């Protein structure tokens, strides 16, 4: 039976068909299934997309990875009064009824759920995940429910164990060995918090192996009053084992070790709940008193810039990225290492030998750079380093009258954002008036949320940060392009990982001069009615207003100073107009600056670039007038 509310509203040669996703009806000239009108409602159906279907094969994910579960809801009904959605976590031993009744509601109101820090209590154990849907339909409040379930295993991020300083060091047979593990941390809590972390120190000689048991099951070793003969190995001749300390800082004198001319390996194991992490330091003990050398690392990467040259040199962050594989640095940023040693004197006869090796899976360590200068500073050109690669930096310090000292730092370069692209549409438009869309997509790095920085360049190598944030889609108002290149210019995009690793792109776009017959001549409005222009800016979001002013300023700067007549009078008139435009824009910018609309660093840098550009050009233009 046709149950459309008004079947006669359809013509004789048309069919009464359902609207998509509903039992409401519409008239159509094509054949379709029977229309049920507004009298019936279907039973809802739900299904979680990305979840394990058995307890022995759960979906396993890391809590810090922003993993999101999504459910599909299918319901057809003409009238829906209310609908509710909930995500429920329950013990796998419960049946469905028990899980729905006593499980923990992790989230409600949405058909997707992203686990967060508040759910850490469910980590490391398989749980049932249920998506529960309730809908109240029709005038008689008919309630219908549907649910789907699966199985999940939430993991906390791995611990980070760090022994401060270099990977390998040299110590004299009477010098003090300091092992500092206090930089170790649980990423889920953050650096500086060592609550519930357990520290275990192990020691062996080079060529021996550490036990594989849990640290608490490894025997404790110490230096006996009478070392056994023959030696049973380890650091004290009593075998490989665990040192008698559970503190993050362990100090011992090299004289207590079994041999005064041997290489020892110290291992730190950090444990918490079911997680553990480790780090090792190799100590070569030699006779004598070699200089005690330390390396200082600077890996420079700027996120927000007022560019005065190609270098990104404002708001420099001195980043030393420590991840699970010791030191992790950015391959695209300059890396400078300086060496210091205790007791340094300016007149010391000292030589520094720096050699950089790159790991090869088949051939081991391959030398890639030997610095010819024997100075205390070593600088790596970003072109030398590859991303996601392990390196070994070896420094030998030679004093004329002392034993040489060798220090080694093994580090890894961060994985750069890759496989993505950014495009501007349309690829041709008008300065100031065309609204361009910049879209970035396809960028890859495991478990990452990217940050995007968008910049444009002006005269004098001054760069303007149009945007800095997580949004991959931005609407842009751009200044006129380079006239000598057919008005083509580049929008510069930096795609940043959370650790600062950055990929840089130049996205081409053609921006022609603004047309004089535009529906609203903003340049004319600025000169003739500045207060109306400022009111227009105040109606816009702050960043967009500054973006518009920047596009106008740079377009003003880009205008040719000589018009078609080539007369001196005409030239002076045009220069005068340009000066008025720049002065007006500068004054508007200063007044906006007084309202203190920007509290963030990117905004202040943006304003600084604008004022620097406006102030720089005024003397240059005034000179000709």
Foldseek 3Di string as FASTA:
>chain_A
DADAPCVVVEDPQWAWDADPLALHTDTGNDDDDGRPHQPDWDAKEKDKDDFAADQVDTAEDELLLQDKIFMDIRIYHPFWDDKKKWKWKAAPVDDPVCRVVDTDTPDMDHRMDGHHLVPCVQAPHKIKIKMKMWIQGDPVRDIHIYMDIHIYHYHYDAWAWDFDFFQEWEFEQFAKDKTARQQTDRVSVDGPDCPQKWKWKWKFFPPDDADPDDQVPWDEDAADPDQDPPFQGTFRSPHTTIHPDGDRMDMDTSNNGNDQAGKMKMKMWIDHDHHIAMGIHIYGGHHFGAWGKTKDKFFWDDDAAFFLDPDRDPRIDRAFDQDRVGTEGALQTKMKMFMDTPPDDPPFPKFKWKWKWWQDPVPGTDTQDTDPHRHRMDIDHSVSDDAQTKMKIKMWMDTPPGDIMITIHIYHYHDAWDPKDKAKPPQEEAALPDWIKIAIDDTDDRSWQKWKWKWFAFPSRTIATLDIGRDRMDIAHAAFAQVVVQRKFWIKMWIATPSGHTDIDTYIGHYHYHDPVPPDDLLVCLQPPVVVSLVVLVVDDVSRSLRSLQNVLRNLVNDDQADDVNDLVSSLVSLVSSLSSLVSSLVSLVVVVVVVPDPDPSVVSNSVSSNVSSVVCNVVSVVSD
